[in-house]
Amino acid sequence: MPLNTTENHFVCRVCGGTAAPTGAGTAHRNHCPHCLCSIHLDETPGDRASRCGGVMDPICVWVRRGGEWAIIHRCRRCGVLHSNRVAADDNSFRLLSIAVQPLANPPFPLDYLSRMEDK
């Protein structure tokens, strides 16, 4: 049976939390609901063809057409990016922390905005 079916649970390699089959709200669980990390197992969703096996960190969230949120994961080992649906029991605080990170750490000094306003 594939590792990502909701009939299986797993212990997260990153935070040690348990990802239970219930509560995901989806037929597939591909990341930890606590720290939102994943493991690089697929080349295309569900194929289990990747030999990398690296930890995939959640680096940002985006909103799909229709308003559904998804997480972008980046593999620590090979750098590949994958998009994964947010599960119903994902850590809401962690999701919001990832979403606001660009606002908390902008690529320019915040006082630059006030200088622009003065012009």
PDB file of N, CA and C in Angstrom:
ATOM      1  N   MET A   1       0.848  -1.187   0.000  1.00  0.00           N
ATOM      2  CA  MET A   1       0.000   0.000   0.000  1.00  0.00           C
ATOM      3  C   MET A   1       0.888   1.242   0.000  1.00  0.00           C
ATOM      4  N   PRO A   2       0.573   2.249  -0.822  1.00  0.00           N
ATOM      5  CA  PRO A   2       1.385   3.462  -0.855  1.00  0.00           C
ATOM      6  C   PRO A   2       1.406   4.167   0.499  1.00  0.00           C
ATOM      7  N   LEU A   3       2.493   4.842   0.782  1.00  0.00           N
ATOM      8  CA  LEU A   3       2.639   5.524   2.058  1.00  0.00           C
ATOM      9  C   LEU A   3       1.683   6.689   2.242  1.00  0.00           C
ATOM     10  N   ASN A   4       1.147   7.236   1.153  1.00  0.00           N
ATOM     11  CA  ASN A   4       0.354   8.447   1.295  1.00  0.00           C
ATOM     12  C   ASN A   4      -1.143   8.216   1.428  1.00  0.00           C
ATOM     13  N   THR A   5      -1.614   6.990   1.506  1.00  0.00           N
ATOM     14  CA  THR A   5      -3.052   6.784   1.668  1.00  0.00           C
ATOM     15  C   THR A   5      -3.439   7.088   3.101  1.00  0.00           C
ATOM     16  N   THR A   6      -4.683   7.489   3.302  1.00  0.00           N
ATOM     17  CA  THR A   6      -5.120   7.840   4.647  1.00  0.00           C
ATOM     18  C   THR A   6      -5.276   6.617   5.535  1.00  0.00           C
ATOM     19  N   GLU A   7      -5.107   5.418   5.003  1.00  0.00           N
ATOM     20  CA  GLU A   7      -5.168   4.225   5.841  1.00  0.00           C
ATOM     21  C   GLU A   7      -3.875   4.033   6.630  1.00  0.00           C
ATOM     22  N   ASN A   8      -2.840   4.767   6.279  1.00  0.00           N
ATOM     23  CA  ASN A   8      -1.559   4.670   6.976  1.00  0.00           C
ATOM     24  C   ASN A   8      -1.329   5.905   7.827  1.00  0.00           C
ATOM     25  N   HIS A   9      -0.551   5.731   8.865  1.00  0.00           N
ATOM     26  CA  HIS A   9      -0.075   6.881   9.622  1.00  0.00           C
ATOM     27  C   HIS A   9       1.440   6.797   9.638  1.00  0.00           C
ATOM     28  N   PHE A  10       2.083   7.906   9.980  1.00  0.00           N
ATOM     29  CA  PHE A  10       3.539   7.897  10.045  1.00  0.00           C
ATOM     30  C   PHE A  10       4.003   8.846  11.135  1.00  0.00           C
ATOM     31  N   VAL A  11       5.233   8.635  11.564  1.00  0.00           N
ATOM     32  CA  VAL A  11       5.884   9.528  12.513  1.00  0.00           C
ATOM     33  C   VAL A  11       6.803  10.432  11.706  1.00  0.00           C
ATOM     34  N   CYS A  12       6.662  11.725  11.893  1.00  0.00           N
ATOM     35  CA  CYS A  12       7.430  12.703  11.128  1.00  0.00           C
ATOM     36  C   CYS A  12       8.919  12.600  11.447  1.00  0.00           C
ATOM     37  N   ARG A  13       9.727  12.563  10.408  1.00  0.00           N
ATOM     38  CA  ARG A  13      11.181  12.507  10.537  1.00  0.00           C
ATOM     39  C   ARG A  13      11.756  13.813  11.072  1.00  0.00           C
ATOM     40  N   VAL A  14      11.012  14.896  10.962  1.00  0.00           N
ATOM     41  CA  VAL A  14      11.517  16.207  11.371  1.00  0.00           C
ATOM     42  C   VAL A  14      11.126  16.543  12.807  1.00  0.00           C
ATOM     43  N   CYS A  15       9.824  16.495  13.114  1.00  0.00           N
ATOM     44  CA  CYS A  15       9.369  16.930  14.441  1.00  0.00           C
ATOM     45  C   CYS A  15       8.972  15.784  15.367  1.00  0.00           C
ATOM     46  N   GLY A  16       8.837  14.574  14.834  1.00  0.00           N
ATOM     47  CA  GLY A  16       8.451  13.430  15.651  1.00  0.00           C
ATOM     48  C   GLY A  16       6.955  13.311  15.887  1.00  0.00           C
ATOM     49  N   GLY A  17       6.172  14.232  15.338  1.00  0.00           N
ATOM     50  CA  GLY A  17       4.721  14.174  15.490  1.00  0.00           C
ATOM     51  C   GLY A  17       4.125  13.033  14.684  1.00  0.00           C
ATOM     52  N   THR A  18       2.958  12.574  15.106  1.00  0.00           N
ATOM     53  CA  THR A  18       2.269  11.502  14.400  1.00  0.00           C
ATOM     54  C   THR A  18       1.248  12.093  13.441  1.00  0.00           C
ATOM     55  N   ALA A  19       1.269  11.608  12.227  1.00  0.00           N
ATOM     56  CA  ALA A  19       0.286  11.992  11.216  1.00  0.00           C
ATOM     57  C   ALA A  19      -0.709  10.851  11.116  1.00  0.00           C
ATOM     58  N   ALA A  20      -1.879  11.057  11.694  1.00  0.00           N
ATOM     59  CA  ALA A  20      -2.908  10.022  11.716  1.00  0.00           C
ATOM     60  C   ALA A  20      -3.746  10.087  10.447  1.00  0.00           C
ATOM     61  N   PRO A  21      -4.341   8.953  10.070  1.00  0.00           N
ATOM     62  CA  PRO A  21      -5.145   8.926   8.849  1.00  0.00           C
ATOM     63  C   PRO A  21      -6.425   9.745   8.944  1.00  0.00           C
ATOM     64  N   THR A  22      -6.982   9.890  10.136  1.00  0.00           N
ATOM     65  CA  THR A  22      -8.222  10.646  10.272  1.00  0.00           C
ATOM     66  C   THR A  22      -7.923  12.130  10.404  1.00  0.00           C
ATOM     67  N   GLY A  23      -8.839  12.938   9.938  1.00  0.00           N
ATOM     68  CA  GLY A  23      -8.709  14.377  10.103  1.00  0.00           C
ATOM     69  C   GLY A  23      -8.099  15.116   8.934  1.00  0.00           C
ATOM     70  N   ALA A  24      -7.517  14.399   7.978  1.00  0.00           N
ATOM     71  CA  ALA A  24      -6.851  15.065   6.860  1.00  0.00           C
ATOM     72  C   ALA A  24      -7.853  15.710   5.908  1.00  0.00           C
ATOM     73  N   GLY A  25      -9.026  15.113   5.776  1.00  0.00           N
ATOM     74  CA  GLY A  25     -10.021  15.649   4.860  1.00  0.00           C
ATOM     75  C   GLY A  25      -9.691  15.395   3.403  1.00  0.00           C
ATOM     76  N   THR A  26      -8.777  14.492   3.152  1.00  0.00           N
ATOM     77  CA  THR A  26      -8.357  14.159   1.793  1.00  0.00           C
ATOM     78  C   THR A  26      -7.971  12.687   1.749  1.00  0.00           C
ATOM     79  N   ALA A  27      -7.934  12.110   0.581  1.00  0.00           N
ATOM     80  CA  ALA A  27      -7.584  10.695   0.440  1.00  0.00           C
ATOM     81  C   ALA A  27      -6.084  10.457   0.547  1.00  0.00           C
ATOM     82  N   HIS A  28      -5.297  11.518   0.488  1.00  0.00           N
ATOM     83  CA  HIS A  28      -3.838  11.364   0.520  1.00  0.00           C
ATOM     84  C   HIS A  28      -3.231  12.301   1.549  1.00  0.00           C
ATOM     85  N   ARG A  29      -2.338  11.775   2.340  1.00  0.00           N
ATOM     86  CA  ARG A  29      -1.591  12.591   3.296  1.00  0.00           C
ATOM     87  C   ARG A  29      -0.138  12.552   2.848  1.00  0.00           C
ATOM     88  N   ASN A  30       0.425  13.708   2.506  1.00  0.00           N
ATOM     89  CA  ASN A  30       1.801  13.712   2.020  1.00  0.00           C
ATOM     90  C   ASN A  30       2.719  14.619   2.817  1.00  0.00           C
ATOM     91  N   HIS A  31       2.247  15.151   3.944  1.00  0.00           N
ATOM     92  CA  HIS A  31       3.112  15.961   4.791  1.00  0.00           C
ATOM     93  C   HIS A  31       2.613  15.890   6.233  1.00  0.00           C
ATOM     94  N   CYS A  32       3.486  16.249   7.141  1.00  0.00           N
ATOM     95  CA  CYS A  32       3.176  16.239   8.568  1.00  0.00           C
ATOM     96  C   CYS A  32       2.199  17.369   8.886  1.00  0.00           C
ATOM     97  N   PRO A  33       1.109  17.094   9.616  1.00  0.00           N
ATOM     98  CA  PRO A  33       0.160  18.152   9.949  1.00  0.00           C
ATOM     99  C   PRO A  33       0.674  19.104  11.033  1.00  0.00           C
ATOM    100  N   HIS A  34       1.776  18.745  11.686  1.00  0.00           N
ATOM    101  CA  HIS A  34       2.322  19.561  12.773  1.00  0.00           C
ATOM    102  C   HIS A  34       3.344  20.576  12.262  1.00  0.00           C
ATOM    103  N   CYS A  35       4.420  20.095  11.637  1.00  0.00           N
ATOM    104  CA  CYS A  35       5.480  20.990  11.142  1.00  0.00           C
ATOM    105  C   CYS A  35       5.346  21.267   9.652  1.00  0.00           C
ATOM    106  N   LEU A  36       4.466  20.550   8.969  1.00  0.00           N
ATOM    107  CA  LEU A  36       4.159  20.687   7.537  1.00  0.00           C
ATOM    108  C   LEU A  36       5.278  20.199   6.618  1.00  0.00           C
ATOM    109  N   CYS A  37       6.305  19.551   7.168  1.00  0.00           N
ATOM    110  CA  CYS A  37       7.377  18.999   6.333  1.00  0.00           C
ATOM    111  C   CYS A  37       6.902  17.729   5.639  1.00  0.00           C
ATOM    112  N   SER A  38       7.593  17.392   4.568  1.00  0.00           N
ATOM    113  CA  SER A  38       7.280  16.213   3.772  1.00  0.00           C
ATOM    114  C   SER A  38       8.587  15.488   3.468  1.00  0.00           C
ATOM    115  N   ILE A  39       8.497  14.382   2.770  1.00  0.00           N
ATOM    116  CA  ILE A  39       9.669  13.639   2.308  1.00  0.00           C
ATOM    117  C   ILE A  39       9.578  13.549   0.793  1.00  0.00           C
ATOM    118  N   HIS A  40      10.697  13.750   0.121  1.00  0.00           N
ATOM    119  CA  HIS A  40      10.726  13.716  -1.344  1.00  0.00           C
ATOM    120  C   HIS A  40      10.645  12.264  -1.812  1.00  0.00           C
ATOM    121  N   LEU A  41       9.424  11.817  -2.099  1.00  0.00           N
ATOM    122  CA  LEU A  41       9.178  10.448  -2.546  1.00  0.00           C
ATOM    123  C   LEU A  41       8.715  10.372  -3.992  1.00  0.00           C
ATOM    124  N   ASP A  42       8.077  11.431  -4.484  1.00  0.00           N
ATOM    125  CA  ASP A  42       7.448  11.399  -5.811  1.00  0.00           C
ATOM    126  C   ASP A  42       8.168  12.289  -6.821  1.00  0.00           C
ATOM    127  N   GLU A  43       8.123  11.850  -8.078  1.00  0.00           N
ATOM    128  CA  GLU A  43       8.504  12.719  -9.198  1.00  0.00           C
ATOM    129  C   GLU A  43       7.249  13.427  -9.694  1.00  0.00           C
ATOM    130  N   THR A  44       6.175  12.659  -9.858  1.00  0.00           N
ATOM    131  CA  THR A  44       4.850  13.209 -10.112  1.00  0.00           C
ATOM    132  C   THR A  44       3.951  12.679  -8.997  1.00  0.00           C
ATOM    133  N   PRO A  45       2.902  13.401  -8.631  1.00  0.00           N
ATOM    134  CA  PRO A  45       2.105  13.019  -7.470  1.00  0.00           C
ATOM    135  C   PRO A  45       1.687  11.545  -7.451  1.00  0.00           C
ATOM    136  N   GLY A  46       2.063  10.868  -6.363  1.00  0.00           N
ATOM    137  CA  GLY A  46       1.662   9.491  -6.131  1.00  0.00           C
ATOM    138  C   GLY A  46       2.501   8.410  -6.767  1.00  0.00           C
ATOM    139  N   ASP A  47       3.522   8.768  -7.575  1.00  0.00           N
ATOM    140  CA  ASP A  47       4.257   7.720  -8.292  1.00  0.00           C
ATOM    141  C   ASP A  47       5.339   7.025  -7.463  1.00  0.00           C
ATOM    142  N   ARG A  48       5.778   7.624  -6.369  1.00  0.00           N
ATOM    143  CA  ARG A  48       6.836   7.075  -5.505  1.00  0.00           C
ATOM    144  C   ARG A  48       8.106   6.740  -6.293  1.00  0.00           C
ATOM    145  N   ALA A  49       8.392   7.514  -7.351  1.00  0.00           N
ATOM    146  CA  ALA A  49       9.517   7.231  -8.243  1.00  0.00           C
ATOM    147  C   ALA A  49      10.810   7.946  -7.861  1.00  0.00           C
ATOM    148  N   SER A  50      10.764   8.878  -6.922  1.00  0.00           N
ATOM    149  CA  SER A  50      11.979   9.614  -6.565  1.00  0.00           C
ATOM    150  C   SER A  50      12.892   8.754  -5.704  1.00  0.00           C
ATOM    151  N   ARG A  51      14.163   8.812  -6.007  1.00  0.00           N
ATOM    152  CA  ARG A  51      15.155   8.105  -5.192  1.00  0.00           C
ATOM    153  C   ARG A  51      15.820   9.042  -4.195  1.00  0.00           C
ATOM    154  N   CYS A  52      15.435  10.302  -4.200  1.00  0.00           N
ATOM    155  CA  CYS A  52      16.065  11.321  -3.361  1.00  0.00           C
ATOM    156  C   CYS A  52      15.843  11.047  -1.872  1.00  0.00           C
ATOM    157  N   GLY A  53      14.594  11.032  -1.439  1.00  0.00           N
ATOM    158  CA  GLY A  53      14.272  10.774  -0.037  1.00  0.00           C
ATOM    159  C   GLY A  53      14.599  11.906   0.914  1.00  0.00           C
ATOM    160  N   GLY A  54      14.923  13.095   0.384  1.00  0.00           N
ATOM    161  CA  GLY A  54      15.260  14.228   1.241  1.00  0.00           C
ATOM    162  C   GLY A  54      14.045  14.815   1.938  1.00  0.00           C
ATOM    163  N   VAL A  55      14.306  15.544   3.016  1.00  0.00           N
ATOM    164  CA  VAL A  55      13.250  16.262   3.716  1.00  0.00           C
ATOM    165  C   VAL A  55      12.838  17.452   2.860  1.00  0.00           C
ATOM    166  N   MET A  56      11.533  17.667   2.771  1.00  0.00           N
ATOM    167  CA  MET A  56      11.002  18.804   2.022  1.00  0.00           C
ATOM    168  C   MET A  56      10.394  19.795   3.007  1.00  0.00           C
ATOM    169  N   ASP A  57      10.956  21.001   3.017  1.00  0.00           N
ATOM    170  CA  ASP A  57      10.496  22.046   3.926  1.00  0.00           C
ATOM    171  C   ASP A  57       9.377  22.863   3.294  1.00  0.00           C
ATOM    172  N   PRO A  58       8.374  23.259   4.094  1.00  0.00           N
ATOM    173  CA  PRO A  58       7.342  24.162   3.582  1.00  0.00           C
ATOM    174  C   PRO A  58       7.937  25.563   3.481  1.00  0.00           C
ATOM    175  N   ILE A  59       7.969  26.126   2.280  1.00  0.00           N
ATOM    176  CA  ILE A  59       8.606  27.439   2.124  1.00  0.00           C
ATOM    177  C   ILE A  59       7.611  28.562   1.855  1.00  0.00           C
ATOM    178  N   CYS A  60       6.428  28.229   1.366  1.00  0.00           N
ATOM    179  CA  CYS A  60       5.408  29.261   1.155  1.00  0.00           C
ATOM    180  C   CYS A  60       4.061  28.589   0.917  1.00  0.00           C
ATOM    181  N   VAL A  61       3.029  29.398   0.962  1.00  0.00           N
ATOM    182  CA  VAL A  61       1.689  28.929   0.607  1.00  0.00           C
ATOM    183  C   VAL A  61       1.201  29.771  -0.558  1.00  0.00           C
ATOM    184  N   TRP A  62       0.277  29.214  -1.310  1.00  0.00           N
ATOM    185  CA  TRP A  62      -0.346  29.955  -2.403  1.00  0.00           C
ATOM    186  C   TRP A  62      -1.799  29.540  -2.481  1.00  0.00           C
ATOM    187  N   VAL A  63      -2.589  30.331  -3.158  1.00  0.00           N
ATOM    188  CA  VAL A  63      -4.021  30.062  -3.268  1.00  0.00           C
ATOM    189  C   VAL A  63      -4.326  29.630  -4.694  1.00  0.00           C
ATOM    190  N   ARG A  64      -4.850  28.420  -4.813  1.00  0.00           N
ATOM    191  CA  ARG A  64      -5.229  27.889  -6.121  1.00  0.00           C
ATOM    192  C   ARG A  64      -6.522  28.538  -6.592  1.00  0.00           C
ATOM    193  N   ARG A  65      -6.786  28.387  -7.881  1.00  0.00           N
ATOM    194  CA  ARG A  65      -8.061  28.865  -8.420  1.00  0.00           C
ATOM    195  C   ARG A  65      -9.182  28.221  -7.605  1.00  0.00           C
ATOM    196  N   GLY A  66     -10.137  28.984  -7.211  1.00  0.00           N
ATOM    197  CA  GLY A  66     -11.218  28.461  -6.384  1.00  0.00           C
ATOM    198  C   GLY A  66     -10.991  28.696  -4.898  1.00  0.00           C
ATOM    199  N   GLY A  67      -9.823  29.222  -4.520  1.00  0.00           N
ATOM    200  CA  GLY A  67      -9.568  29.579  -3.133  1.00  0.00           C
ATOM    201  C   GLY A  67      -8.890  28.536  -2.272  1.00  0.00           C
ATOM    202  N   GLU A  68      -8.593  27.357  -2.818  1.00  0.00           N
ATOM    203  CA  GLU A  68      -7.941  26.314  -2.025  1.00  0.00           C
ATOM    204  C   GLU A  68      -6.468  26.658  -1.799  1.00  0.00           C
ATOM    205  N   TRP A  69      -6.018  26.540  -0.554  1.00  0.00           N
ATOM    206  CA  TRP A  69      -4.620  26.790  -0.223  1.00  0.00           C
ATOM    207  C   TRP A  69      -3.774  25.566  -0.543  1.00  0.00           C
ATOM    208  N   ALA A  70      -2.530  25.815  -0.921  1.00  0.00           N
ATOM    209  CA  ALA A  70      -1.554  24.751  -1.153  1.00  0.00           C
ATOM    210  C   ALA A  70      -0.211  25.207  -0.591  1.00  0.00           C
ATOM    211  N   ILE A  71       0.608  24.240  -0.238  1.00  0.00           N
ATOM    212  CA  ILE A  71       1.936  24.495   0.325  1.00  0.00           C
ATOM    213  C   ILE A  71       2.978  24.186  -0.736  1.00  0.00           C
ATOM    214  N   ILE A  72       3.960  25.062  -0.872  1.00  0.00           N
ATOM    215  CA  ILE A  72       5.116  24.771  -1.719  1.00  0.00           C
ATOM    216  C   ILE A  72       6.200  24.207  -0.814  1.00  0.00           C
ATOM    217  N   HIS A  73       6.670  23.012  -1.148  1.00  0.00           N
ATOM    218  CA  HIS A  73       7.764  22.362  -0.427  1.00  0.00           C
ATOM    219  C   HIS A  73       9.022  22.387  -1.284  1.00  0.00           C
ATOM    220  N   ARG A  74      10.177  22.609  -0.638  1.00  0.00           N
ATOM    221  CA  ARG A  74      11.471  22.542  -1.329  1.00  0.00           C
ATOM    222  C   ARG A  74      12.324  21.473  -0.654  1.00  0.00           C
ATOM    223  N   CYS A  75      12.891  20.579  -1.474  1.00  0.00           N
ATOM    224  CA  CYS A  75      13.714  19.491  -0.962  1.00  0.00           C
ATOM    225  C   CYS A  75      15.069  20.027  -0.500  1.00  0.00           C
ATOM    226  N   ARG A  76      15.458  19.669   0.718  1.00  0.00           N
ATOM    227  CA  ARG A  76      16.757  20.074   1.265  1.00  0.00           C
ATOM    228  C   ARG A  76      17.916  19.454   0.495  1.00  0.00           C
ATOM    229  N   ARG A  77      17.709  18.267  -0.041  1.00  0.00           N
ATOM    230  CA  ARG A  77      18.784  17.535  -0.700  1.00  0.00           C
ATOM    231  C   ARG A  77      18.980  17.965  -2.156  1.00  0.00           C
ATOM    232  N   CYS A  78      17.910  18.002  -2.937  1.00  0.00           N
ATOM    233  CA  CYS A  78      18.070  18.257  -4.378  1.00  0.00           C
ATOM    234  C   CYS A  78      17.455  19.577  -4.841  1.00  0.00           C
ATOM    235  N   GLY A  79      16.681  20.244  -3.984  1.00  0.00           N
ATOM    236  CA  GLY A  79      16.124  21.548  -4.318  1.00  0.00           C
ATOM    237  C   GLY A  79      14.834  21.544  -5.113  1.00  0.00           C
ATOM    238  N   VAL A  80      14.294  20.376  -5.447  1.00  0.00           N
ATOM    239  CA  VAL A  80      13.056  20.323  -6.233  1.00  0.00           C
ATOM    240  C   VAL A  80      11.913  20.982  -5.454  1.00  0.00           C
ATOM    241  N   LEU A  81      10.988  21.582  -6.186  1.00  0.00           N
ATOM    242  CA  LEU A  81       9.806  22.207  -5.597  1.00  0.00           C
ATOM    243  C   LEU A  81       8.566  21.392  -5.946  1.00  0.00           C
ATOM    244  N   HIS A  82       7.677  21.206  -4.964  1.00  0.00           N
ATOM    245  CA  HIS A  82       6.402  20.520  -5.181  1.00  0.00           C
ATOM    246  C   HIS A  82       5.298  21.303  -4.490  1.00  0.00           C
ATOM    247  N   SER A  83       4.123  21.298  -5.076  1.00  0.00           N
ATOM    248  CA  SER A  83       2.945  21.917  -4.485  1.00  0.00           C
ATOM    249  C   SER A  83       2.047  20.819  -3.929  1.00  0.00           C
ATOM    250  N   ASN A  84       1.581  21.005  -2.692  1.00  0.00           N
ATOM    251  CA  ASN A  84       0.720  20.024  -2.039  1.00  0.00           C
ATOM    252  C   ASN A  84      -0.472  20.715  -1.400  1.00  0.00           C
ATOM    253  N   ARG A  85      -1.636  20.091  -1.532  1.00  0.00           N
ATOM    254  CA  ARG A  85      -2.851  20.625  -0.926  1.00  0.00           C
ATOM    255  C   ARG A  85      -2.701  20.721   0.588  1.00  0.00           C
ATOM    256  N   VAL A  86      -3.310  21.744   1.156  1.00  0.00           N
ATOM    257  CA  VAL A  86      -3.388  21.869   2.604  1.00  0.00           C
ATOM    258  C   VAL A  86      -4.423  20.860   3.087  1.00  0.00           C
ATOM    259  N   ALA A  87      -4.115  20.155   4.167  1.00  0.00           N
ATOM    260  CA  ALA A  87      -5.042  19.183   4.748  1.00  0.00           C
ATOM    261  C   ALA A  87      -5.862  19.863   5.844  1.00  0.00           C
ATOM    262  N   ALA A  88      -7.026  19.316   6.118  1.00  0.00           N
ATOM    263  CA  ALA A  88      -7.958  19.914   7.078  1.00  0.00           C
ATOM    264  C   ALA A  88      -7.363  20.048   8.473  1.00  0.00           C
ATOM    265  N   ASP A  89      -6.472  19.140   8.852  1.00  0.00           N
ATOM    266  CA  ASP A  89      -5.915  19.178  10.205  1.00  0.00           C
ATOM    267  C   ASP A  89      -4.507  19.765  10.262  1.00  0.00           C
ATOM    268  N   ASP A  90      -4.074  20.449   9.206  1.00  0.00           N
ATOM    269  CA  ASP A  90      -2.757  21.088   9.231  1.00  0.00           C
ATOM    270  C   ASP A  90      -2.727  22.189  10.288  1.00  0.00           C
ATOM    271  N   ASN A  91      -1.565  22.404  10.858  1.00  0.00           N
ATOM    272  CA  ASN A  91      -1.342  23.403  11.886  1.00  0.00           C
ATOM    273  C   ASN A  91      -1.607  24.803  11.310  1.00  0.00           C
ATOM    274  N   SER A  92      -2.715  25.406  11.712  1.00  0.00           N
ATOM    275  CA  SER A  92      -3.121  26.713  11.180  1.00  0.00           C
ATOM    276  C   SER A  92      -2.113  27.804  11.506  1.00  0.00           C
ATOM    277  N   PHE A  93      -1.562  27.768  12.704  1.00  0.00           N
ATOM    278  CA  PHE A  93      -0.574  28.772  13.094  1.00  0.00           C
ATOM    279  C   PHE A  93       0.661  28.679  12.205  1.00  0.00           C
ATOM    280  N   ARG A  94       1.111  27.464  11.950  1.00  0.00           N
ATOM    281  CA  ARG A  94       2.290  27.270  11.086  1.00  0.00           C
ATOM    282  C   ARG A  94       1.990  27.738   9.662  1.00  0.00           C
ATOM    283  N   LEU A  95       0.804  27.425   9.146  1.00  0.00           N
ATOM    284  CA  LEU A  95       0.418  27.882   7.806  1.00  0.00           C
ATOM    285  C   LEU A  95       0.444  29.407   7.705  1.00  0.00           C
ATOM    286  N   LEU A  96      -0.140  30.072   8.694  1.00  0.00           N
ATOM    287  CA  LEU A  96      -0.160  31.534   8.671  1.00  0.00           C
ATOM    288  C   LEU A  96       1.237  32.118   8.841  1.00  0.00           C
ATOM    289  N   SER A  97       2.068  31.475   9.653  1.00  0.00           N
ATOM    290  CA  SER A  97       3.453  31.931   9.824  1.00  0.00           C
ATOM    291  C   SER A  97       4.204  31.898   8.503  1.00  0.00           C
ATOM    292  N   ILE A  98       3.987  30.849   7.738  1.00  0.00           N
ATOM    293  CA  ILE A  98       4.635  30.734   6.425  1.00  0.00           C
ATOM    294  C   ILE A  98       4.071  31.792   5.474  1.00  0.00           C
ATOM    295  N   ALA A  99       2.755  32.004   5.531  1.00  0.00           N
ATOM    296  CA  ALA A  99       2.107  32.953   4.622  1.00  0.00           C
ATOM    297  C   ALA A  99       2.574  34.386   4.846  1.00  0.00           C
ATOM    298  N   VAL A 100       2.799  34.784   6.101  1.00  0.00           N
ATOM    299  CA  VAL A 100       3.169  36.177   6.381  1.00  0.00           C
ATOM    300  C   VAL A 100       4.676  36.406   6.421  1.00  0.00           C
ATOM    301  N   GLN A 101       5.452  35.365   6.258  1.00  0.00           N
ATOM    302  CA  GLN A 101       6.913  35.508   6.328  1.00  0.00           C
ATOM    303  C   GLN A 101       7.454  36.592   5.387  1.00  0.00           C
ATOM    304  N   PRO A 102       6.985  36.702   4.138  1.00  0.00           N
ATOM    305  CA  PRO A 102       7.499  37.779   3.277  1.00  0.00           C
ATOM    306  C   PRO A 102       7.186  39.182   3.812  1.00  0.00           C
ATOM    307  N   LEU A 103       6.077  39.337   4.528  1.00  0.00           N
ATOM    308  CA  LEU A 103       5.738  40.638   5.104  1.00  0.00           C
ATOM    309  C   LEU A 103       6.581  40.936   6.339  1.00  0.00           C
ATOM    310  N   ALA A 104       6.925  39.892   7.087  1.00  0.00           N
ATOM    311  CA  ALA A 104       7.744  40.065   8.283  1.00  0.00           C
ATOM    312  C   ALA A 104       9.210  40.311   7.941  1.00  0.00           C
ATOM    313  N   ASN A 105       9.650  39.809   6.804  1.00  0.00           N
ATOM    314  CA  ASN A 105      11.045  39.947   6.375  1.00  0.00           C
ATOM    315  C   ASN A 105      11.106  40.439   4.935  1.00  0.00           C
ATOM    316  N   PRO A 106      10.712  41.695   4.693  1.00  0.00           N
ATOM    317  CA  PRO A 106      10.711  42.185   3.310  1.00  0.00           C
ATOM    318  C   PRO A 106      12.134  42.310   2.762  1.00  0.00           C
ATOM    319  N   PRO A 107      12.279  42.327   1.441  1.00  0.00           N
ATOM    320  CA  PRO A 107      13.606  42.389   0.828  1.00  0.00           C
ATOM    321  C   PRO A 107      14.189  43.808   0.801  1.00  0.00           C
ATOM    322  N   PHE A 108      13.598  44.707   1.575  1.00  0.00           N
ATOM    323  CA  PHE A 108      14.067  46.095   1.656  1.00  0.00           C
ATOM    324  C   PHE A 108      13.793  46.595   3.074  1.00  0.00           C
ATOM    325  N   PRO A 109      14.514  47.633   3.511  1.00  0.00           N
ATOM    326  CA  PRO A 109      14.244  48.188   4.848  1.00  0.00           C
ATOM    327  C   PRO A 109      12.840  48.790   4.902  1.00  0.00           C
ATOM    328  N   LEU A 110      12.137  48.569   6.000  1.00  0.00           N
ATOM    329  CA  LEU A 110      10.773  49.081   6.123  1.00  0.00           C
ATOM    330  C   LEU A 110      10.713  50.605   6.076  1.00  0.00           C
ATOM    331  N   ASP A 111      11.767  51.277   6.523  1.00  0.00           N
ATOM    332  CA  ASP A 111      11.746  52.738   6.461  1.00  0.00           C
ATOM    333  C   ASP A 111      11.771  53.239   5.019  1.00  0.00           C
ATOM    334  N   TYR A 112      12.118  52.365   4.087  1.00  0.00           N
ATOM    335  CA  TYR A 112      12.082  52.723   2.669  1.00  0.00           C
ATOM    336  C   TYR A 112      10.661  53.099   2.254  1.00  0.00           C
ATOM    337  N   LEU A 113       9.673  52.431   2.815  1.00  0.00           N
ATOM    338  CA  LEU A 113       8.280  52.731   2.484  1.00  0.00           C
ATOM    339  C   LEU A 113       7.900  54.148   2.899  1.00  0.00           C
ATOM    340  N   SER A 114       8.321  54.560   4.081  1.00  0.00           N
ATOM    341  CA  SER A 114       7.984  55.914   4.525  1.00  0.00           C
ATOM    342  C   SER A 114       8.714  56.959   3.691  1.00  0.00           C
ATOM    343  N   ARG A 115       9.930  56.666   3.261  1.00  0.00           N
ATOM    344  CA  ARG A 115      10.656  57.597   2.387  1.00  0.00           C
ATOM    345  C   ARG A 115       9.950  57.719   1.042  1.00  0.00           C
ATOM    346  N   MET A 116       9.414  56.625   0.540  1.00  0.00           N
ATOM    347  CA  MET A 116       8.694  56.646  -0.735  1.00  0.00           C
ATOM    348  C   MET A 116       7.406  57.458  -0.610  1.00  0.00           C
ATOM    349  N   GLU A 117       6.780  57.369   0.543  1.00  0.00           N
ATOM    350  CA  GLU A 117       5.542  58.089   0.792  1.00  0.00           C
ATOM    351  C   GLU A 117       5.778  59.597   0.821  1.00  0.00           C
ATOM    352  N   ASP A 118       6.954  60.018   1.292  1.00  0.00           N
ATOM    353  CA  ASP A 118       7.290  61.438   1.388  1.00  0.00           C
ATOM    354  C   ASP A 118       7.544  62.073   0.028  1.00  0.00           C
ATOM    355  N   LYS A 119       7.802  61.284  -0.966  1.00  0.00           N
ATOM    356  CA  LYS A 119       8.136  61.832  -2.296  1.00  0.00           C
ATOM    357  C   LYS A 119       6.929  62.266  -3.066  1.00  0.00           C
TER     358      LYS A 119
END
